[in-house]
N, C-alpha and C. Protein backbone atom coordinates (compact mmCIF):
# COMPACT_ATOMS: atom_id res chain seq x y z
N MET A 1 12.79 4.47 -13.24
CA MET A 1 11.26 5.77 -13.60
C MET A 1 10.95 6.06 -12.34
N VAL A 2 10.79 7.78 -12.35
CA VAL A 2 10.52 8.00 -11.04
C VAL A 2 9.45 8.44 -10.95
N GLY A 3 8.74 8.18 -9.42
CA GLY A 3 7.83 8.14 -8.96
C GLY A 3 7.10 6.92 -8.88
N GLY A 4 7.88 5.63 -9.61
CA GLY A 4 7.36 4.46 -9.74
C GLY A 4 7.55 3.96 -8.16
N SER A 5 8.27 4.26 -7.54
CA SER A 5 8.62 3.76 -6.09
C SER A 5 7.74 4.21 -5.36
N ASP A 6 7.31 5.38 -5.48
CA ASP A 6 5.72 6.34 -4.47
C ASP A 6 5.20 5.32 -4.93
N GLU A 7 4.44 5.54 -6.02
CA GLU A 7 3.39 4.74 -6.68
C GLU A 7 3.07 3.36 -6.14
N LEU A 8 4.14 2.45 -5.77
CA LEU A 8 4.30 0.93 -5.27
C LEU A 8 4.16 1.02 -3.81
N GLU A 9 4.87 2.67 -2.76
CA GLU A 9 4.61 2.48 -1.90
C GLU A 9 3.08 2.61 -1.18
N GLU A 10 2.68 3.50 -2.00
CA GLU A 10 1.35 4.05 -1.36
C GLU A 10 0.20 2.78 -1.86
N SER A 11 0.54 1.85 -3.10
CA SER A 11 -0.47 0.65 -2.97
C SER A 11 0.04 -0.14 -1.81
N SER A 12 1.03 -0.36 -1.47
CA SER A 12 1.38 -1.36 -0.60
C SER A 12 0.81 -1.13 1.13
N THR A 13 0.80 0.18 0.89
CA THR A 13 0.19 0.78 2.24
C THR A 13 -1.49 0.82 2.27
N ARG A 14 -1.63 0.68 1.36
CA ARG A 14 -3.02 0.72 0.90
C ARG A 14 -3.21 -0.14 1.30
N ILE A 15 -3.09 -1.45 0.74
CA ILE A 15 -3.25 -3.04 1.19
C ILE A 15 -3.00 -3.46 2.43
N PHE A 16 -1.75 -2.94 3.18
CA PHE A 16 -1.79 -3.15 4.52
C PHE A 16 -2.45 -2.66 5.42
N LEU A 17 -3.05 -1.36 5.31
CA LEU A 17 -4.17 -0.94 5.72
C LEU A 17 -5.67 -2.02 5.80
N LEU A 18 -5.97 -2.30 4.14
CA LEU A 18 -7.28 -3.14 4.43
C LEU A 18 -6.95 -4.74 5.00
N TRP A 19 -5.86 -5.00 4.89
CA TRP A 19 -5.23 -6.16 5.36
C TRP A 19 -5.33 -6.50 7.02
N LYS A 20 -5.02 -4.90 7.57
CA LYS A 20 -4.87 -5.02 8.63
C LYS A 20 -6.12 -4.98 9.21
N ALA A 21 -7.21 -4.00 8.40
CA ALA A 21 -8.85 -3.94 8.99
C ALA A 21 -9.26 -5.37 9.07
N ASP A 22 -9.04 -5.77 7.76
CA ASP A 22 -9.75 -7.51 7.43
C ASP A 22 -9.32 -8.17 8.83
N ILE A 23 -7.95 -8.58 9.45
CA ILE A 23 -8.21 -9.53 10.52
C ILE A 23 -8.37 -8.62 11.93
N LYS A 24 -8.88 -7.31 12.22
CA LYS A 24 -9.64 -7.02 12.73
C LYS A 24 -10.68 -7.81 13.50
């Protein structure tokens, strides 16, 4: 699936940023 990895990576980055801000 082309672009599947990019979408997953984008979602992971978004979750990571939210998690990082949550533990601030």
